[in-house]
Amino acid sequence: MTEDLDVGLVGYGVAGRVFHAPLIESTPGLSLAGVVTNDPARRAALRAGRPGVPVLDTLDDLLRTAPGVVVIASPNTTHVPFALACVEAGVPVVVDKPFAPSAAQARQVLEAAEKASVPVTVFQNRRWDGDYLTFRRLLDEDALGTVHRFESRWEFTAAVDPARPGGGLLSELGVHMIDQAVQAFGPVARVYAELATRRPGGRVDDDVFVAVTHRSGTTSHLWTSAVAHDAGPRFRVLGDKASFTIHGLDVQENALAAGVAPGTPEWGVAPEESWGRLSGPDGVTRVPTEPGAYEVFYRRLASALREGGALPVDPYSTIETLDVIDAAARSARSGEVVPLS
């Protein structure tokens, strides 16, 4: 197969415009063949920034163009019905996070996809954050020893935007943090959570703490907040040999927003002043941050669809994350620890 695979994109907000469109365009073998958006400002931005890309009104219009794959980057409430429509049309689909509002709905999509033999994957791009890749390398090298606590924070300050659709921080950012914890330390035994709405005019959770006990014995403590004026470390990992601490966020989102695409020399490279610290009996060592690599997702997608390779994210691997989110919501309501079977 030598022709590019046509990719249809649904949604041109931050997810579609900043993440998916430039990553698709920079991936060999993929071509951005159409974008669905009804928002006048976004349609104008698309025509100005990508004048050769067709603008479409609906998912049905897009499916009639027979794309090779559809990427769903529209509001969270559309993820399940749009994914099911693509599966019914026999078109492979990428769903942005969160895959579904609940684990049960995610399973519904995957059951339909299995019956139709249609590939489905989920854009859990934070598996390729540079700081996370660095921490995983330290785990693989046994530099930390047995990890007894993994701390992850995503904290900032932001005013309520009444025009912005979507859920609270548990589903918006917690889905990444829980996914990273589960990928690193395995299945979850029990969950405890505290959810709050702190900002005036807020309608969803904006201050979140989740404690996850893994079957392996590691405990993950996860915080995300929109009312933190002094953010804590992004990761703090405590092992019996050493600990690892790193501050700040991965650089790729800001690079994409500034028009820097994968393939440039500076892509994914974190400045030296942001490198983490490995602390142990022999002192403290600065650890160079691995280059971030969001482009790996779409390269693996292209390989999977064109050559039959593995999908970049096994969609079933995201169901446990949704199970944890469901349990966290129950725990926050009851104040109790929720076991997972």
C-alpha atoms as a PDB file:
ATOM      1  CA  MET A   1       0.000   0.000   0.000  1.00  0.00           C
ATOM      2  CA  THR A   2       1.549   3.290  -1.084  1.00  0.00           C
ATOM      3  CA  GLU A   3      -1.307   5.799  -0.902  1.00  0.00           C
ATOM      4  CA  ASP A   4      -1.856   7.740   2.309  1.00  0.00           C
ATOM      5  CA  LEU A   5      -4.634   6.628   4.604  1.00  0.00           C
ATOM      6  CA  ASP A   6      -7.380   9.273   4.713  1.00  0.00           C
ATOM      7  CA  VAL A   7      -8.125  10.431   8.268  1.00  0.00           C
ATOM      8  CA  GLY A   8     -11.378  12.160   9.152  1.00  0.00           C
ATOM      9  CA  LEU A   9     -11.356  14.339  12.269  1.00  0.00           C
ATOM     10  CA  VAL A  10     -14.507  15.113  14.258  1.00  0.00           C
ATOM     11  CA  GLY A  11     -14.082  18.258  16.348  1.00  0.00           C
ATOM     12  CA  TYR A  12     -11.745  21.236  16.024  1.00  0.00           C
ATOM     13  CA  GLY A  13     -11.453  22.512  19.574  1.00  0.00           C
ATOM     14  CA  VAL A  14      -8.223  22.207  21.544  1.00  0.00           C
ATOM     15  CA  ALA A  15      -8.084  18.423  21.124  1.00  0.00           C
ATOM     16  CA  GLY A  16      -8.662  18.492  17.369  1.00  0.00           C
ATOM     17  CA  ARG A  17      -6.758  21.639  16.462  1.00  0.00           C
ATOM     18  CA  VAL A  18      -3.787  21.470  18.854  1.00  0.00           C
ATOM     19  CA  PHE A  19      -3.232  17.727  19.218  1.00  0.00           C
ATOM     20  CA  HIS A  20      -4.764  15.584  16.509  1.00  0.00           C
ATOM     21  CA  ALA A  21      -4.520  17.673  13.339  1.00  0.00           C
ATOM     22  CA  PRO A  22      -0.774  18.432  13.563  1.00  0.00           C
ATOM     23  CA  LEU A  23       0.086  14.905  14.706  1.00  0.00           C
ATOM     24  CA  ILE A  24      -1.899  13.399  11.831  1.00  0.00           C
ATOM     25  CA  GLU A  25      -0.307  15.759   9.304  1.00  0.00           C
ATOM     26  CA  SER A  26       3.210  14.954  10.519  1.00  0.00           C
ATOM     27  CA  THR A  27       2.749  11.163  10.343  1.00  0.00           C
ATOM     28  CA  PRO A  28       3.989   9.404   7.183  1.00  0.00           C
ATOM     29  CA  GLY A  29       1.214   7.427   5.557  1.00  0.00           C
ATOM     30  CA  LEU A  30      -1.636   9.513   6.981  1.00  0.00           C
ATOM     31  CA  SER A  31      -3.519  12.402   5.372  1.00  0.00           C
ATOM     32  CA  LEU A  32      -5.994  14.733   7.087  1.00  0.00           C
ATOM     33  CA  ALA A  33      -8.890  14.378   4.636  1.00  0.00           C
ATOM     34  CA  GLY A  34     -11.741  16.240   6.337  1.00  0.00           C
ATOM     35  CA  VAL A  35     -12.822  17.902   9.576  1.00  0.00           C
ATOM     36  CA  VAL A  36     -16.301  18.047  11.090  1.00  0.00           C
ATOM     37  CA  THR A  37     -17.148  21.227  12.985  1.00  0.00           C
ATOM     38  CA  ASN A  38     -20.198  23.487  13.110  1.00  0.00           C
ATOM     39  CA  ASP A  39     -18.649  26.266  15.164  1.00  0.00           C
ATOM     40  CA  PRO A  40     -18.215  29.344  12.893  1.00  0.00           C
ATOM     41  CA  ALA A  41     -14.995  30.484  14.561  1.00  0.00           C
ATOM     42  CA  ARG A  42     -13.475  27.013  14.322  1.00  0.00           C
ATOM     43  CA  ARG A  43     -14.532  26.637  10.707  1.00  0.00           C
ATOM     44  CA  ALA A  44     -12.833  29.958   9.954  1.00  0.00           C
ATOM     45  CA  ALA A  45      -9.692  28.875  11.841  1.00  0.00           C
ATOM     46  CA  LEU A  46      -9.592  25.617   9.912  1.00  0.00           C
ATOM     47  CA  ARG A  47      -9.955  27.344   6.547  1.00  0.00           C
ATOM     48  CA  ALA A  48      -7.252  29.861   7.479  1.00  0.00           C
ATOM     49  CA  GLY A  49      -4.784  27.365   8.920  1.00  0.00           C
ATOM     50  CA  ARG A  50      -5.498  24.346   6.708  1.00  0.00           C
ATOM     51  CA  PRO A  51      -7.090  25.764   3.553  1.00  0.00           C
ATOM     52  CA  GLY A  52      -6.928  22.504   1.628  1.00  0.00           C
ATOM     53  CA  VAL A  53      -8.816  20.432   4.202  1.00  0.00           C
ATOM     54  CA  PRO A  54     -12.575  20.023   3.571  1.00  0.00           C
ATOM     55  CA  VAL A  55     -14.948  21.276   6.283  1.00  0.00           C
ATOM     56  CA  LEU A  56     -17.956  19.042   6.906  1.00  0.00           C
ATOM     57  CA  ASP A  57     -21.168  19.541   8.854  1.00  0.00           C
ATOM     58  CA  THR A  58     -21.821  16.118  10.380  1.00  0.00           C
ATOM     59  CA  LEU A  59     -20.246  12.757  11.089  1.00  0.00           C
ATOM     60  CA  ASP A  60     -22.586  11.242   8.503  1.00  0.00           C
ATOM     61  CA  ASP A  61     -21.167  13.617   5.891  1.00  0.00           C
ATOM     62  CA  LEU A  62     -17.677  12.498   6.847  1.00  0.00           C
ATOM     63  CA  LEU A  63     -18.531   8.799   6.706  1.00  0.00           C
ATOM     64  CA  ARG A  64     -19.931   9.247   3.208  1.00  0.00           C
ATOM     65  CA  THR A  65     -16.416  10.232   2.067  1.00  0.00           C
ATOM     66  CA  ALA A  66     -15.229   6.706   3.020  1.00  0.00           C
ATOM     67  CA  PRO A  67     -12.297   7.680   5.285  1.00  0.00           C
ATOM     68  CA  GLY A  68      -9.743   5.079   6.273  1.00  0.00           C
ATOM     69  CA  VAL A  69     -10.110   6.010   9.942  1.00  0.00           C
ATOM     70  CA  VAL A  70     -12.100   8.534  11.979  1.00  0.00           C
ATOM     71  CA  VAL A  71     -10.723  10.408  14.994  1.00  0.00           C
ATOM     72  CA  ILE A  72     -13.360  11.540  17.506  1.00  0.00           C
ATOM     73  CA  ALA A  73     -12.207  14.701  19.271  1.00  0.00           C
ATOM     74  CA  SER A  74     -15.646  16.185  19.885  1.00  0.00           C
ATOM     75  CA  PRO A  75     -17.251  16.772  23.328  1.00  0.00           C
ATOM     76  CA  ASN A  76     -17.155  13.830  25.730  1.00  0.00           C
ATOM     77  CA  THR A  77     -20.900  13.213  25.510  1.00  0.00           C
ATOM     78  CA  THR A  78     -20.556  12.362  21.804  1.00  0.00           C
ATOM     79  CA  HIS A  79     -17.761   9.801  22.160  1.00  0.00           C
ATOM     80  CA  VAL A  80     -19.911   6.700  22.547  1.00  0.00           C
ATOM     81  CA  PRO A  81     -22.622   7.453  19.939  1.00  0.00           C
ATOM     82  CA  PHE A  82     -20.045   8.639  17.395  1.00  0.00           C
ATOM     83  CA  ALA A  83     -17.824   5.618  17.992  1.00  0.00           C
ATOM     84  CA  LEU A  84     -20.804   3.290  17.569  1.00  0.00           C
ATOM     85  CA  ALA A  85     -21.770   5.059  14.314  1.00  0.00           C
ATOM     86  CA  CYS A  86     -18.250   4.542  12.949  1.00  0.00           C
ATOM     87  CA  VAL A  87     -18.263   0.894  13.967  1.00  0.00           C
ATOM     88  CA  GLU A  88     -21.646   0.417  12.280  1.00  0.00           C
ATOM     89  CA  ALA A  89     -20.205   1.988   9.123  1.00  0.00           C
ATOM     90  CA  GLY A  90     -17.210  -0.363   9.284  1.00  0.00           C
ATOM     91  CA  VAL A  91     -14.703   2.483   9.746  1.00  0.00           C
ATOM     92  CA  PRO A  92     -11.788   2.167  12.229  1.00  0.00           C
ATOM     93  CA  VAL A  93     -11.997   4.753  14.983  1.00  0.00           C
ATOM     94  CA  VAL A  94      -9.759   6.633  17.413  1.00  0.00           C
ATOM     95  CA  VAL A  95     -11.581   8.028  20.444  1.00  0.00           C
ATOM     96  CA  ASP A  96     -10.053  10.849  22.458  1.00  0.00           C
ATOM     97  CA  LYS A  97     -10.090  10.453  26.223  1.00  0.00           C
ATOM     98  CA  PRO A  98     -12.212   9.773  28.116  1.00  0.00           C
ATOM     99  CA  PHE A  99     -13.203   6.812  25.966  1.00  0.00           C
ATOM    100  CA  ALA A 100     -16.695   6.768  27.507  1.00  0.00           C
ATOM    101  CA  PRO A 101     -18.603   8.187  30.488  1.00  0.00           C
ATOM    102  CA  SER A 102     -18.472   4.767  32.155  1.00  0.00           C
ATOM    103  CA  ALA A 103     -16.748   1.417  31.866  1.00  0.00           C
ATOM    104  CA  ALA A 104     -20.076  -0.193  30.933  1.00  0.00           C
ATOM    105  CA  GLN A 105     -20.488   2.113  27.921  1.00  0.00           C
ATOM    106  CA  ALA A 106     -16.889   1.502  26.863  1.00  0.00           C
ATOM    107  CA  ARG A 107     -17.570  -2.235  26.925  1.00  0.00           C
ATOM    108  CA  GLN A 108     -20.654  -1.641  24.776  1.00  0.00           C
ATOM    109  CA  VAL A 109     -18.514   0.017  22.100  1.00  0.00           C
ATOM    110  CA  LEU A 110     -15.880  -2.721  22.209  1.00  0.00           C
ATOM    111  CA  GLU A 111     -18.460  -5.504  22.008  1.00  0.00           C
ATOM    112  CA  ALA A 112     -19.934  -3.869  18.894  1.00  0.00           C
ATOM    113  CA  ALA A 113     -16.440  -3.406  17.429  1.00  0.00           C
ATOM    114  CA  GLU A 114     -15.557  -7.051  18.020  1.00  0.00           C
ATOM    115  CA  LYS A 115     -18.737  -8.247  16.321  1.00  0.00           C
ATOM    116  CA  ALA A 116     -18.065  -5.991  13.327  1.00  0.00           C
ATOM    117  CA  SER A 117     -14.287  -6.659  13.295  1.00  0.00           C
ATOM    118  CA  VAL A 118     -13.618  -2.903  13.355  1.00  0.00           C
ATOM    119  CA  PRO A 119     -10.431  -1.609  15.057  1.00  0.00           C
ATOM    120  CA  VAL A 120     -10.993   0.842  17.921  1.00  0.00           C
ATOM    121  CA  THR A 121      -8.308   2.571  19.961  1.00  0.00           C
ATOM    122  CA  VAL A 122      -8.112   5.409  22.506  1.00  0.00           C
ATOM    123  CA  PHE A 123      -5.879   8.497  22.440  1.00  0.00           C
ATOM    124  CA  GLN A 124      -4.118   8.063  25.799  1.00  0.00           C
ATOM    125  CA  ASN A 125      -1.297  10.281  24.626  1.00  0.00           C
ATOM    126  CA  ARG A 126       0.078  10.926  28.110  1.00  0.00           C
ATOM    127  CA  ARG A 127       1.664   7.483  28.020  1.00  0.00           C
ATOM    128  CA  TRP A 128       4.257   9.274  25.867  1.00  0.00           C
ATOM    129  CA  ASP A 129       4.895  12.281  28.130  1.00  0.00           C
ATOM    130  CA  GLY A 130       8.633  12.786  28.571  1.00  0.00           C
ATOM    131  CA  ASP A 131       8.493  12.841  32.373  1.00  0.00           C
ATOM    132  CA  TYR A 132       6.431   9.645  32.423  1.00  0.00           C
ATOM    133  CA  LEU A 133       8.804   7.910  29.980  1.00  0.00           C
ATOM    134  CA  THR A 134      11.684   8.932  32.259  1.00  0.00           C
ATOM    135  CA  PHE A 135       9.999   7.507  35.339  1.00  0.00           C
ATOM    136  CA  ARG A 136       9.171   4.266  33.482  1.00  0.00           C
ATOM    137  CA  ARG A 137      12.806   3.966  32.375  1.00  0.00           C
ATOM    138  CA  LEU A 138      13.924   4.282  35.997  1.00  0.00           C
ATOM    139  CA  LEU A 139      11.443   1.541  36.919  1.00  0.00           C
ATOM    140  CA  ASP A 140      12.748  -0.712  34.152  1.00  0.00           C
ATOM    141  CA  GLU A 141      16.337  -0.119  35.301  1.00  0.00           C
ATOM    142  CA  ASP A 142      15.351  -0.914  38.912  1.00  0.00           C
ATOM    143  CA  ALA A 143      16.845   2.431  39.938  1.00  0.00           C
ATOM    144  CA  LEU A 144      14.049   2.952  42.466  1.00  0.00           C
ATOM    145  CA  GLY A 145      13.734  -0.569  43.809  1.00  0.00           C
ATOM    146  CA  THR A 146      10.307  -1.607  45.041  1.00  0.00           C
ATOM    147  CA  VAL A 147       7.993   1.391  44.796  1.00  0.00           C
ATOM    148  CA  HIS A 148       5.665   1.749  47.765  1.00  0.00           C
ATOM    149  CA  ARG A 149       4.080   5.083  46.802  1.00  0.00           C
ATOM    150  CA  PHE A 150       3.547   6.853  43.500  1.00  0.00           C
ATOM    151  CA  GLU A 151       2.436  10.491  43.725  1.00  0.00           C
ATOM    152  CA  SER A 152       1.101  12.323  40.689  1.00  0.00           C
ATOM    153  CA  ARG A 153      -0.112  15.924  40.605  1.00  0.00           C
ATOM    154  CA  TRP A 154      -1.644  18.081  37.892  1.00  0.00           C
ATOM    155  CA  GLU A 155      -2.365  21.369  39.622  1.00  0.00           C
ATOM    156  CA  PHE A 156      -3.014  24.890  38.345  1.00  0.00           C
ATOM    157  CA  THR A 157      -5.377  27.843  38.691  1.00  0.00           C
ATOM    158  CA  ALA A 158      -8.116  28.615  36.183  1.00  0.00           C
ATOM    159  CA  ALA A 159     -11.397  30.501  36.221  1.00  0.00           C
ATOM    160  CA  VAL A 160     -14.652  28.750  35.376  1.00  0.00           C
ATOM    161  CA  ASP A 161     -15.427  28.908  31.654  1.00  0.00           C
ATOM    162  CA  PRO A 162     -19.223  28.588  31.367  1.00  0.00           C
ATOM    163  CA  ALA A 163     -18.988  28.140  27.596  1.00  0.00           C
ATOM    164  CA  ARG A 164     -16.697  25.135  27.829  1.00  0.00           C
ATOM    165  CA  PRO A 165     -18.483  21.768  27.736  1.00  0.00           C
ATOM    166  CA  GLY A 166     -17.124  18.683  29.413  1.00  0.00           C
ATOM    167  CA  GLY A 167     -16.902  16.936  32.728  1.00  0.00           C
ATOM    168  CA  GLY A 168     -14.935  17.621  35.860  1.00  0.00           C
ATOM    169  CA  LEU A 169     -11.246  17.117  36.485  1.00  0.00           C
ATOM    170  CA  LEU A 170     -11.699  13.489  37.518  1.00  0.00           C
ATOM    171  CA  SER A 171     -12.728  12.565  33.978  1.00  0.00           C
ATOM    172  CA  GLU A 172     -10.782  15.244  32.105  1.00  0.00           C
ATOM    173  CA  LEU A 173      -7.323  14.926  33.699  1.00  0.00           C
ATOM    174  CA  GLY A 174      -7.762  12.126  36.209  1.00  0.00           C
ATOM    175  CA  VAL A 175      -8.265   9.741  33.310  1.00  0.00           C
ATOM    176  CA  HIS A 176      -4.639  10.373  32.252  1.00  0.00           C
ATOM    177  CA  MET A 177      -3.240  10.154  35.776  1.00  0.00           C
ATOM    178  CA  ILE A 178      -5.083   6.941  36.608  1.00  0.00           C
ATOM    179  CA  ASP A 179      -4.090   5.426  33.262  1.00  0.00           C
ATOM    180  CA  GLN A 180      -0.430   6.200  33.937  1.00  0.00           C
ATOM    181  CA  ALA A 181      -0.629   4.650  37.410  1.00  0.00           C
ATOM    182  CA  VAL A 182      -2.357   1.495  36.176  1.00  0.00           C
ATOM    183  CA  GLN A 183       0.101   1.093  33.304  1.00  0.00           C
ATOM    184  CA  ALA A 184       3.032   1.396  35.710  1.00  0.00           C
ATOM    185  CA  PHE A 185       1.809  -0.623  38.691  1.00  0.00           C
ATOM    186  CA  GLY A 186      -0.925  -2.899  37.421  1.00  0.00           C
ATOM    187  CA  PRO A 187      -4.465  -3.829  38.436  1.00  0.00           C
ATOM    188  CA  VAL A 188      -6.278  -2.017  41.231  1.00  0.00           C
ATOM    189  CA  ALA A 189      -7.599  -3.580  44.430  1.00  0.00           C
ATOM    190  CA  ARG A 190      -9.407  -0.627  46.019  1.00  0.00           C
ATOM    191  CA  VAL A 191     -10.104   3.086  45.560  1.00  0.00           C
ATOM    192  CA  TYR A 192     -10.730   6.052  47.854  1.00  0.00           C
ATOM    193  CA  ALA A 193     -11.517   9.544  46.538  1.00  0.00           C
ATOM    194  CA  GLU A 194     -12.436  13.082  47.532  1.00  0.00           C
ATOM    195  CA  LEU A 195     -14.089  15.343  44.941  1.00  0.00           C
ATOM    196  CA  ALA A 196     -14.982  18.990  45.480  1.00  0.00           C
ATOM    197  CA  THR A 197     -16.183  22.024  43.565  1.00  0.00           C
ATOM    198  CA  ARG A 198     -14.243  25.007  44.905  1.00  0.00           C
ATOM    199  CA  ARG A 199     -14.590  27.761  42.292  1.00  0.00           C
ATOM    200  CA  PRO A 200     -17.497  30.227  42.363  1.00  0.00           C
ATOM    201  CA  GLY A 201     -19.908  29.310  39.596  1.00  0.00           C
ATOM    202  CA  GLY A 202     -18.418  25.857  39.183  1.00  0.00           C
ATOM    203  CA  ARG A 203     -20.726  22.946  38.390  1.00  0.00           C
ATOM    204  CA  VAL A 204     -18.262  20.069  38.218  1.00  0.00           C
ATOM    205  CA  ASP A 205     -15.417  18.784  40.373  1.00  0.00           C
ATOM    206  CA  ASP A 206     -12.338  21.011  40.198  1.00  0.00           C
ATOM    207  CA  ASP A 207     -10.368  19.748  43.212  1.00  0.00           C
ATOM    208  CA  VAL A 208      -9.718  16.000  43.224  1.00  0.00           C
ATOM    209  CA  PHE A 209      -7.788  13.450  45.269  1.00  0.00           C
ATOM    210  CA  VAL A 210      -7.772   9.748  44.440  1.00  0.00           C
ATOM    211  CA  ALA A 211      -5.940   7.037  46.393  1.00  0.00           C
ATOM    212  CA  VAL A 212      -5.486   3.800  44.488  1.00  0.00           C
ATOM    213  CA  THR A 213      -4.136   0.631  46.071  1.00  0.00           C
ATOM    214  CA  HIS A 214      -2.727  -1.700  43.443  1.00  0.00           C
ATOM    215  CA  ARG A 215      -2.764  -5.460  43.830  1.00  0.00           C
ATOM    216  CA  SER A 216       1.031  -5.279  43.594  1.00  0.00           C
ATOM    217  CA  GLY A 217       1.078  -3.410  46.932  1.00  0.00           C
ATOM    218  CA  THR A 218       1.993   0.002  45.527  1.00  0.00           C
ATOM    219  CA  THR A 219      -0.256   2.908  46.513  1.00  0.00           C
ATOM    220  CA  SER A 220      -0.879   5.706  44.005  1.00  0.00           C
ATOM    221  CA  HIS A 221      -1.887   9.112  45.364  1.00  0.00           C
ATOM    222  CA  LEU A 222      -3.267  11.325  42.599  1.00  0.00           C
ATOM    223  CA  TRP A 223      -4.185  15.005  42.858  1.00  0.00           C
ATOM    224  CA  THR A 224      -5.605  17.382  40.271  1.00  0.00           C
ATOM    225  CA  SER A 225      -6.883  20.860  41.058  1.00  0.00           C
ATOM    226  CA  ALA A 226      -7.859  24.079  39.298  1.00  0.00           C
ATOM    227  CA  VAL A 227      -7.458  26.080  42.519  1.00  0.00           C
ATOM    228  CA  ALA A 228      -3.797  25.421  43.347  1.00  0.00           C
ATOM    229  CA  HIS A 229      -1.698  28.587  43.354  1.00  0.00           C
ATOM    230  CA  ASP A 230       1.504  26.637  44.037  1.00  0.00           C
ATOM    231  CA  ALA A 231       1.645  23.346  42.166  1.00  0.00           C
ATOM    232  CA  GLY A 232       3.347  20.381  43.761  1.00  0.00           C
ATOM    233  CA  PRO A 233       5.710  18.044  41.903  1.00  0.00           C
ATOM    234  CA  ARG A 234       4.306  16.389  38.800  1.00  0.00           C
ATOM    235  CA  PHE A 235       5.666  13.042  40.000  1.00  0.00           C
ATOM    236  CA  ARG A 236       7.157  11.934  43.307  1.00  0.00           C
ATOM    237  CA  VAL A 237       7.975   8.242  43.345  1.00  0.00           C
ATOM    238  CA  LEU A 238       9.160   6.611  46.544  1.00  0.00           C
ATOM    239  CA  GLY A 239      11.044   3.315  46.370  1.00  0.00           C
ATOM    240  CA  ASP A 240      13.163   1.320  48.789  1.00  0.00           C
ATOM    241  CA  LYS A 241      16.339   2.125  46.816  1.00  0.00           C
ATOM    242  CA  ALA A 242      15.700   5.724  45.801  1.00  0.00           C
ATOM    243  CA  SER A 243      13.056   8.353  45.097  1.00  0.00           C
ATOM    244  CA  PHE A 244      12.401  10.350  41.954  1.00  0.00           C
ATOM    245  CA  THR A 245      10.875  13.834  41.870  1.00  0.00           C
ATOM    246  CA  ILE A 246      10.105  16.001  38.845  1.00  0.00           C
ATOM    247  CA  HIS A 247       8.188  19.273  38.478  1.00  0.00           C
ATOM    248  CA  GLY A 248       6.305  20.880  35.612  1.00  0.00           C
ATOM    249  CA  LEU A 249       4.355  19.469  32.673  1.00  0.00           C
ATOM    250  CA  ASP A 250       5.515  17.761  29.516  1.00  0.00           C
ATOM    251  CA  VAL A 251       6.500  20.266  26.823  1.00  0.00           C
ATOM    252  CA  GLN A 252       4.663  18.768  23.836  1.00  0.00           C
ATOM    253  CA  GLU A 253       1.264  20.438  24.274  1.00  0.00           C
ATOM    254  CA  ASN A 254       2.776  23.933  24.351  1.00  0.00           C
ATOM    255  CA  ALA A 255       4.972  23.068  21.382  1.00  0.00           C
ATOM    256  CA  LEU A 256       1.994  21.879  19.332  1.00  0.00           C
ATOM    257  CA  ALA A 257       0.015  25.000  20.284  1.00  0.00           C
ATOM    258  CA  ALA A 258       2.951  27.125  19.091  1.00  0.00           C
ATOM    259  CA  GLY A 259       3.070  25.339  15.750  1.00  0.00           C
ATOM    260  CA  VAL A 260       6.086  23.113  16.458  1.00  0.00           C
ATOM    261  CA  ALA A 261       5.537  19.657  15.004  1.00  0.00           C
ATOM    262  CA  PRO A 262       7.252  16.286  15.495  1.00  0.00           C
ATOM    263  CA  GLY A 263      10.373  15.912  13.406  1.00  0.00           C
ATOM    264  CA  THR A 264      11.951  19.226  14.401  1.00  0.00           C
ATOM    265  CA  PRO A 265      15.206  19.025  16.429  1.00  0.00           C
ATOM    266  CA  GLU A 266      13.643  20.539  19.549  1.00  0.00           C
ATOM    267  CA  TRP A 267      10.544  18.347  19.502  1.00  0.00           C
ATOM    268  CA  GLY A 268       9.711  16.852  22.894  1.00  0.00           C
ATOM    269  CA  VAL A 269      12.969  18.013  24.510  1.00  0.00           C
ATOM    270  CA  ALA A 270      12.617  19.337  28.063  1.00  0.00           C
ATOM    271  CA  PRO A 271      14.998  22.088  29.231  1.00  0.00           C
ATOM    272  CA  GLU A 272      17.749  20.987  31.590  1.00  0.00           C
ATOM    273  CA  GLU A 273      16.416  23.139  34.419  1.00  0.00           C
ATOM    274  CA  SER A 274      13.264  21.015  34.491  1.00  0.00           C
ATOM    275  CA  TRP A 275      15.034  17.666  34.812  1.00  0.00           C
ATOM    276  CA  GLY A 276      14.049  15.511  37.762  1.00  0.00           C
ATOM    277  CA  ARG A 277      16.065  14.394  40.775  1.00  0.00           C
ATOM    278  CA  LEU A 278      16.954  10.845  41.766  1.00  0.00           C
ATOM    279  CA  SER A 279      17.649  10.809  45.504  1.00  0.00           C
ATOM    280  CA  GLY A 280      19.219   7.871  47.301  1.00  0.00           C
ATOM    281  CA  PRO A 281      21.816   6.832  49.885  1.00  0.00           C
ATOM    282  CA  ASP A 282      24.642   8.183  47.705  1.00  0.00           C
ATOM    283  CA  GLY A 283      23.094  11.624  47.219  1.00  0.00           C
ATOM    284  CA  VAL A 284      21.095  13.395  44.532  1.00  0.00           C
ATOM    285  CA  THR A 285      21.518  12.973  40.761  1.00  0.00           C
ATOM    286  CA  ARG A 286      19.862  15.055  38.045  1.00  0.00           C
ATOM    287  CA  VAL A 287      18.077  12.802  35.545  1.00  0.00           C
ATOM    288  CA  PRO A 288      17.761  13.965  31.911  1.00  0.00           C
ATOM    289  CA  THR A 289      14.134  13.851  30.804  1.00  0.00           C
ATOM    290  CA  GLU A 290      13.360  11.452  27.976  1.00  0.00           C
ATOM    291  CA  PRO A 291      12.062  13.236  24.857  1.00  0.00           C
ATOM    292  CA  GLY A 292       8.274  13.259  24.713  1.00  0.00           C
ATOM    293  CA  ALA A 293       6.852  11.213  21.854  1.00  0.00           C
ATOM    294  CA  TYR A 294       3.156  11.757  21.102  1.00  0.00           C
ATOM    295  CA  GLU A 295       3.918  10.985  17.466  1.00  0.00           C
ATOM    296  CA  VAL A 296       4.392   7.324  18.408  1.00  0.00           C
ATOM    297  CA  PHE A 297       0.615   6.967  18.769  1.00  0.00           C
ATOM    298  CA  TYR A 298      -0.165   7.873  15.155  1.00  0.00           C
ATOM    299  CA  ARG A 299       2.847   6.039  13.734  1.00  0.00           C
ATOM    300  CA  ARG A 300       1.646   2.859  15.422  1.00  0.00           C
ATOM    301  CA  LEU A 301      -1.905   3.554  14.292  1.00  0.00           C
ATOM    302  CA  ALA A 302      -0.758   3.840  10.687  1.00  0.00           C
ATOM    303  CA  SER A 303       1.210   0.613  11.016  1.00  0.00           C
ATOM    304  CA  ALA A 304      -1.734  -1.217  12.604  1.00  0.00           C
ATOM    305  CA  LEU A 305      -4.209  -0.177   9.912  1.00  0.00           C
ATOM    306  CA  ARG A 306      -1.896  -0.503   6.938  1.00  0.00           C
ATOM    307  CA  GLU A 307       0.214  -3.513   7.914  1.00  0.00           C
ATOM    308  CA  GLY A 308      -1.741  -5.279  10.666  1.00  0.00           C
ATOM    309  CA  GLY A 309       0.447  -4.286  13.610  1.00  0.00           C
ATOM    310  CA  ALA A 310      -0.774  -3.795  17.170  1.00  0.00           C
ATOM    311  CA  LEU A 311      -2.942  -0.773  17.919  1.00  0.00           C
ATOM    312  CA  PRO A 312      -1.094   1.998  19.786  1.00  0.00           C
ATOM    313  CA  VAL A 313      -3.415   1.655  22.805  1.00  0.00           C
ATOM    314  CA  ASP A 314      -5.296  -1.531  23.582  1.00  0.00           C
ATOM    315  CA  PRO A 315      -8.816  -0.173  24.208  1.00  0.00           C
ATOM    316  CA  TYR A 316      -9.434  -2.829  26.852  1.00  0.00           C
ATOM    317  CA  SER A 317      -6.523  -1.393  28.845  1.00  0.00           C
ATOM    318  CA  THR A 318      -8.534   1.800  29.282  1.00  0.00           C
ATOM    319  CA  ILE A 319     -11.547   0.033  30.791  1.00  0.00           C
ATOM    320  CA  GLU A 320      -9.789  -0.483  34.122  1.00  0.00           C
ATOM    321  CA  THR A 321      -9.122   3.264  34.227  1.00  0.00           C
ATOM    322  CA  LEU A 322     -12.846   3.879  33.736  1.00  0.00           C
ATOM    323  CA  ASP A 323     -13.607   1.296  36.444  1.00  0.00           C
ATOM    324  CA  VAL A 324     -11.366   3.284  38.798  1.00  0.00           C
ATOM    325  CA  ILE A 325     -13.096   6.551  37.847  1.00  0.00           C
ATOM    326  CA  ASP A 326     -16.499   4.964  38.492  1.00  0.00           C
ATOM    327  CA  ALA A 327     -15.252   3.681  41.874  1.00  0.00           C
ATOM    328  CA  ALA A 328     -13.767   7.077  42.738  1.00  0.00           C
ATOM    329  CA  ALA A 329     -17.113   8.770  42.118  1.00  0.00           C
ATOM    330  CA  ARG A 330     -18.843   6.212  44.366  1.00  0.00           C
ATOM    331  CA  SER A 331     -16.202   6.630  47.058  1.00  0.00           C
ATOM    332  CA  ALA A 332     -16.524  10.418  47.016  1.00  0.00           C
ATOM    333  CA  ARG A 333     -20.288  10.138  47.486  1.00  0.00           C
ATOM    334  CA  SER A 334     -20.103   7.600  50.320  1.00  0.00           C
ATOM    335  CA  GLY A 335     -16.831   8.542  51.984  1.00  0.00           C
ATOM    336  CA  GLU A 336     -15.848   4.871  51.921  1.00  0.00           C
ATOM    337  CA  VAL A 337     -13.131   2.809  50.277  1.00  0.00           C
ATOM    338  CA  VAL A 338     -14.527   0.987  47.221  1.00  0.00           C
ATOM    339  CA  PRO A 339     -13.075  -2.460  46.386  1.00  0.00           C
ATOM    340  CA  LEU A 340     -12.576  -3.552  42.801  1.00  0.00           C
ATOM    341  CA  SER A 341     -12.864  -7.244  41.933  1.00  0.00           C
END
